[in-house]
Amino acid sequence: MKLKWQGVEQTLSLLCDPADPTKAGPPACFPGREESRKLLLGNLLFPFTNADFAGLMGIMYWLLAMPFVLWPRWDMGIIIGLIFCGAFVSYTRYQEKADRPVIYLTSLLQGLAHTGAVLGLAHLLPHLDPHLPAFSGTYGFWWLLFTCLVEVGILGGLIGAFIFGLNLLITSLWFDMNHNDAFSAMRLESYKNFLRLRITDDEITVYAIGLKDMPKRSEWIDTHVHQGQPRYKPKTPLRPQLLERVRVVPLHRDTPLA
């Protein structure tokens, strides 16, 4: 990757050996690409790792299913499809800051999948509870409203969140999209990283440090030390690893940016 530093073009590479930037090494990716692909499978558990989002999808499914239950016409299905497709196209374009054809294709497919799920649940509703009262009359309407909320809302939340997670998995794995959402949605407690800076008179060295395994809250010990030492320490020592080292030097120096 090329960039300009103080007006001079420099070259950065992920293939630099952290211990010796003049030598080539494996790509400085943390976690590695193969491990990242395996981690993406965690998006199949999206409904359980993102219960709040699943609840939101359940409410959306309920609100869109109710009109179709009351007026089961083909034009209602088209309206539901337009709402889903428009929402996901807008969301993905905003997230990706681009207008690639694959963004529209994957968003439309996801929207159609949600539409099919809503219509399927709306058709299934009378069979989920054969003892539903007649749909006519005030009490029948409110009972239908409540039953649809409970049955379609719960099932719709699980199905809708699963479809959303599946879309994150597919688009991140094969279409170079939604990487940030796909990994943040899994709420991983591993593979943390941070930067340490070493500043001397005329240069700065930036160290990228990675931690594969992080202690849980219950695995930290209060040392009751207030000065000179860390207040909290993990029961098991951390195992940091150097991911990358970058030296920033003044423009008048001949040493390249590494």
Protein backbone atom coordinates (compact mmCIF):
# COMPACT_ATOMS: atom_id res chain seq x y z
CA MET A 1 0.00 0.00 0.00
CA LYS A 2 1.37 3.41 -0.94
CA LEU A 3 0.80 6.60 1.04
CA LYS A 4 2.30 10.05 1.31
CA TRP A 5 4.15 10.97 4.51
CA GLN A 6 5.22 14.62 4.71
CA GLY A 7 4.84 14.88 0.96
CA VAL A 8 7.01 11.83 0.19
CA GLU A 9 5.46 8.64 -1.17
CA GLN A 10 6.15 5.63 1.05
CA THR A 11 5.24 1.94 0.73
CA LEU A 12 3.63 -0.09 3.50
CA SER A 13 3.30 -3.86 3.32
CA LEU A 14 1.56 -6.45 5.49
CA LEU A 15 4.35 -8.87 4.53
CA CYS A 16 6.99 -7.25 6.74
CA ASP A 17 8.45 -9.36 9.53
CA PRO A 18 7.55 -7.56 12.83
CA ALA A 19 10.96 -8.45 14.32
CA ASP A 20 12.86 -7.19 11.27
CA PRO A 21 10.88 -4.89 8.89
CA THR A 22 13.52 -5.36 6.18
CA LYS A 23 12.55 -9.03 5.85
CA ALA A 24 9.36 -10.49 4.44
CA GLY A 25 7.11 -12.59 6.64
CA PRO A 26 3.53 -13.84 6.72
CA PRO A 27 0.77 -11.22 6.29
CA ALA A 28 0.24 -9.20 9.47
CA CYS A 29 -3.40 -10.23 9.89
CA PHE A 30 -4.89 -10.90 13.31
CA PRO A 31 -6.49 -13.36 13.39
CA GLY A 32 -5.24 -15.01 10.21
CA ARG A 33 -7.45 -15.16 7.17
CA GLU A 34 -8.29 -18.85 7.52
CA GLU A 35 -9.14 -18.42 11.20
CA SER A 36 -11.27 -15.37 10.35
CA ARG A 37 -13.27 -17.40 7.84
CA LYS A 38 -13.94 -20.05 10.48
CA LEU A 39 -14.99 -17.42 13.01
CA LEU A 40 -17.58 -16.07 10.56
CA LEU A 41 -19.64 -19.23 11.10
CA GLY A 42 -20.60 -17.71 14.43
CA ASN A 43 -23.08 -15.53 12.53
CA LEU A 44 -25.32 -18.60 12.25
CA LEU A 45 -26.04 -18.00 15.96
CA PHE A 46 -27.05 -14.39 15.27
CA PRO A 47 -30.56 -14.70 16.87
CA PHE A 48 -29.01 -15.77 20.18
CA THR A 49 -26.01 -13.42 20.26
CA ASN A 50 -28.18 -10.44 19.26
CA ALA A 51 -31.45 -11.00 21.11
CA ASP A 52 -32.33 -7.30 20.97
CA PHE A 53 -32.09 -7.29 17.18
CA ALA A 54 -34.14 -10.51 17.05
CA GLY A 55 -36.82 -8.75 19.10
CA LEU A 56 -36.81 -5.83 16.66
CA MET A 57 -37.19 -8.21 13.72
CA GLY A 58 -40.06 -9.94 15.54
CA ILE A 59 -41.93 -6.66 15.90
CA MET A 60 -41.29 -5.82 12.25
CA TYR A 61 -42.54 -9.22 11.14
CA TRP A 62 -45.64 -8.80 13.28
CA LEU A 63 -46.44 -5.32 11.93
CA LEU A 64 -46.04 -6.47 8.33
CA ALA A 65 -47.84 -9.80 8.77
CA MET A 66 -50.96 -8.32 10.36
CA PRO A 67 -52.17 -6.42 7.25
CA PHE A 68 -51.68 -9.55 5.13
CA VAL A 69 -53.58 -11.68 7.66
CA LEU A 70 -56.48 -9.22 7.58
CA TRP A 71 -56.36 -8.60 3.82
CA PRO A 72 -54.63 -11.60 2.17
CA ARG A 73 -54.17 -10.07 -1.30
CA TRP A 74 -51.25 -10.29 -3.70
CA ASP A 75 -50.69 -6.52 -3.66
CA MET A 76 -50.07 -6.67 0.10
CA GLY A 77 -47.28 -9.13 -0.55
CA ILE A 78 -45.72 -6.75 -3.09
CA ILE A 79 -45.85 -3.89 -0.59
CA ILE A 80 -44.13 -6.01 2.06
CA GLY A 81 -41.44 -6.99 -0.44
CA LEU A 82 -40.82 -3.37 -1.45
CA ILE A 83 -40.45 -2.34 2.19
CA PHE A 84 -37.89 -5.07 2.95
CA CYS A 85 -35.91 -4.67 -0.26
CA GLY A 86 -35.81 -0.89 -0.01
CA ALA A 87 -34.73 -1.02 3.64
CA PHE A 88 -31.88 -3.47 3.08
CA VAL A 89 -30.63 -1.79 -0.09
CA SER A 90 -30.45 1.53 1.76
CA TYR A 91 -28.82 -0.06 4.81
CA THR A 92 -26.14 -1.90 2.81
CA ARG A 93 -25.34 1.10 0.62
CA TYR A 94 -24.89 3.22 3.74
CA GLN A 95 -22.66 0.63 5.41
CA GLU A 96 -20.49 -0.04 2.36
CA LYS A 97 -20.38 3.54 1.08
CA ALA A 98 -20.54 2.15 -2.47
CA ASP A 99 -22.93 1.31 -5.31
CA ARG A 100 -21.57 -2.00 -6.56
CA PRO A 101 -24.06 -4.32 -8.29
CA VAL A 102 -23.43 -7.03 -5.69
CA ILE A 103 -24.76 -4.68 -3.00
CA TYR A 104 -28.11 -4.44 -4.77
CA LEU A 105 -28.18 -8.16 -5.58
CA THR A 106 -27.50 -9.40 -2.05
CA SER A 107 -29.80 -6.79 -0.49
CA LEU A 108 -32.68 -7.71 -2.81
CA LEU A 109 -32.20 -11.40 -2.12
CA GLN A 110 -32.22 -10.78 1.61
CA GLY A 111 -35.34 -8.62 1.26
CA LEU A 112 -37.12 -11.36 -0.72
CA ALA A 113 -36.10 -13.95 1.90
CA HIS A 114 -37.66 -11.85 4.67
CA THR A 115 -40.76 -11.26 2.54
CA GLY A 116 -41.20 -14.99 1.99
CA ALA A 117 -40.79 -15.62 5.72
CA VAL A 118 -43.43 -13.02 6.64
CA LEU A 119 -45.94 -14.33 4.09
CA GLY A 120 -45.25 -17.91 5.14
CA LEU A 121 -45.86 -17.13 8.80
CA ALA A 122 -49.03 -15.19 7.92
CA HIS A 123 -50.36 -18.22 6.03
CA LEU A 124 -49.29 -20.50 8.87
CA LEU A 125 -50.95 -18.47 11.62
CA PRO A 126 -54.43 -20.07 11.42
CA HIS A 127 -52.82 -23.53 11.62
CA LEU A 128 -50.64 -22.68 14.62
CA ASP A 129 -53.72 -22.33 16.83
CA PRO A 130 -56.87 -24.00 15.47
CA HIS A 131 -58.88 -22.67 18.39
CA LEU A 132 -58.62 -19.05 17.36
CA PRO A 133 -61.92 -17.19 17.73
CA ALA A 134 -63.68 -15.83 14.68
CA PHE A 135 -61.90 -12.88 13.11
CA SER A 136 -65.04 -10.78 13.12
CA GLY A 137 -66.01 -8.68 16.10
CA THR A 138 -64.00 -6.52 18.46
CA TYR A 139 -62.80 -9.30 20.76
CA GLY A 140 -61.89 -11.52 17.85
CA PHE A 141 -59.76 -8.75 16.31
CA TRP A 142 -57.83 -8.02 19.50
CA TRP A 143 -57.32 -11.72 20.17
CA LEU A 144 -56.00 -12.13 16.64
CA LEU A 145 -53.70 -9.15 17.17
CA PHE A 146 -52.31 -10.63 20.38
CA THR A 147 -51.96 -14.14 18.95
CA CYS A 148 -50.15 -12.82 15.90
CA LEU A 149 -47.78 -10.85 18.14
CA VAL A 150 -46.92 -13.91 20.23
CA GLU A 151 -46.67 -16.52 17.49
CA VAL A 152 -45.49 -14.55 14.46
CA GLY A 153 -43.43 -12.18 16.59
CA ILE A 154 -41.41 -14.92 18.31
CA LEU A 155 -40.96 -17.11 15.25
CA GLY A 156 -40.40 -14.08 13.04
CA GLY A 157 -37.75 -12.71 15.36
CA LEU A 158 -35.78 -15.96 15.25
CA ILE A 159 -36.21 -16.47 11.51
CA GLY A 160 -35.57 -12.83 10.61
CA ALA A 161 -32.43 -12.59 12.73
CA PHE A 162 -31.16 -15.88 11.29
CA ILE A 163 -31.64 -14.61 7.72
CA PHE A 164 -29.82 -11.40 8.61
CA GLY A 165 -26.93 -13.33 10.17
CA LEU A 166 -26.77 -15.69 7.21
CA ASN A 167 -26.53 -12.68 4.90
CA LEU A 168 -23.62 -11.31 6.95
CA LEU A 169 -21.87 -14.67 6.72
CA ILE A 170 -22.31 -15.03 2.95
CA THR A 171 -21.50 -11.44 1.98
CA SER A 172 -18.43 -11.23 4.25
CA LEU A 173 -17.12 -14.64 3.24
CA TRP A 174 -17.55 -14.44 -0.53
CA PHE A 175 -18.39 -10.86 -1.56
CA ASP A 176 -15.98 -8.71 0.50
CA MET A 177 -18.83 -6.90 2.28
CA ASN A 178 -20.16 -6.29 5.79
CA HIS A 179 -16.91 -7.29 7.52
CA ASN A 180 -17.38 -4.86 10.40
CA ASP A 181 -20.99 -5.89 11.06
CA ALA A 182 -20.26 -9.60 10.65
CA PHE A 183 -17.51 -9.65 13.29
CA SER A 184 -19.03 -7.16 15.72
CA ALA A 185 -22.32 -9.10 15.67
CA MET A 186 -20.60 -12.19 17.09
CA ARG A 187 -19.49 -10.27 20.21
CA LEU A 188 -16.19 -12.12 20.35
CA GLU A 189 -14.19 -11.89 23.55
CA SER A 190 -11.01 -13.05 21.84
CA TYR A 191 -8.53 -11.59 19.36
CA LYS A 192 -8.13 -8.15 20.93
CA ASN A 193 -5.39 -5.79 19.83
CA PHE A 194 -3.92 -2.45 20.80
CA LEU A 195 -1.01 -0.13 19.97
CA ARG A 196 2.05 0.79 22.04
CA LEU A 197 4.22 3.77 21.14
CA ARG A 198 7.94 4.22 21.77
CA ILE A 199 8.98 7.83 21.34
CA THR A 200 12.64 8.87 21.11
CA ASP A 201 14.27 12.16 20.15
CA ASP A 202 13.73 11.86 16.41
CA GLU A 203 11.43 8.91 15.73
CA ILE A 204 8.33 7.03 16.86
CA THR A 205 8.00 3.27 16.80
CA VAL A 206 4.45 1.89 16.78
CA TYR A 207 3.96 -1.67 17.99
CA ALA A 208 0.74 -3.53 17.17
CA ILE A 209 0.11 -6.03 19.97
CA GLY A 210 -2.39 -8.90 19.76
CA LEU A 211 -4.07 -10.98 22.48
CA LYS A 212 -5.83 -14.12 21.32
CA ASP A 213 -7.37 -15.07 24.66
CA MET A 214 -8.79 -12.49 27.03
CA PRO A 215 -9.68 -13.15 30.69
CA LYS A 216 -13.31 -12.88 31.68
CA ARG A 217 -14.43 -10.43 34.35
CA SER A 218 -14.27 -13.14 37.00
CA GLU A 219 -10.67 -13.96 36.05
CA TRP A 220 -9.17 -10.65 37.19
CA ILE A 221 -7.63 -10.14 40.63
CA ASP A 222 -7.74 -6.87 42.57
CA THR A 223 -4.16 -6.32 43.78
CA HIS A 224 -5.19 -3.31 45.93
CA VAL A 225 -2.10 -1.51 44.65
CA HIS A 226 -2.73 2.13 43.80
CA GLN A 227 0.66 3.40 42.64
CA GLY A 228 3.46 1.97 40.58
CA GLN A 229 1.75 -1.33 39.74
CA PRO A 230 -1.44 -2.34 37.90
CA ARG A 231 -4.51 -2.34 40.13
CA TYR A 232 -5.96 -5.44 38.42
CA LYS A 233 -4.08 -8.49 37.16
CA PRO A 234 -5.38 -11.63 35.39
CA LYS A 235 -5.25 -14.95 37.23
CA THR A 236 -3.54 -16.45 34.18
CA PRO A 237 -0.72 -14.37 32.63
CA LEU A 238 -1.56 -12.73 29.31
CA ARG A 239 0.19 -13.97 26.19
CA PRO A 240 0.72 -10.93 23.96
CA GLN A 241 2.23 -11.31 20.52
CA LEU A 242 3.84 -8.74 18.28
CA LEU A 243 1.75 -8.31 15.14
CA GLU A 244 3.55 -5.48 13.41
CA ARG A 245 6.16 -2.79 13.99
CA VAL A 246 6.11 0.54 12.19
CA ARG A 247 8.80 3.21 12.50
CA VAL A 248 7.98 6.82 11.74
CA VAL A 249 11.08 8.92 11.12
CA PRO A 250 11.67 12.59 10.21
CA LEU A 251 11.70 13.53 6.56
CA HIS A 252 15.41 14.38 6.56
CA ARG A 253 16.34 10.85 7.64
CA ASP A 254 17.26 8.33 4.93
CA THR A 255 15.65 5.41 6.79
CA PRO A 256 12.48 4.35 4.95
CA LEU A 257 9.10 3.94 6.60
CA ALA A 258 8.94 0.24 7.60
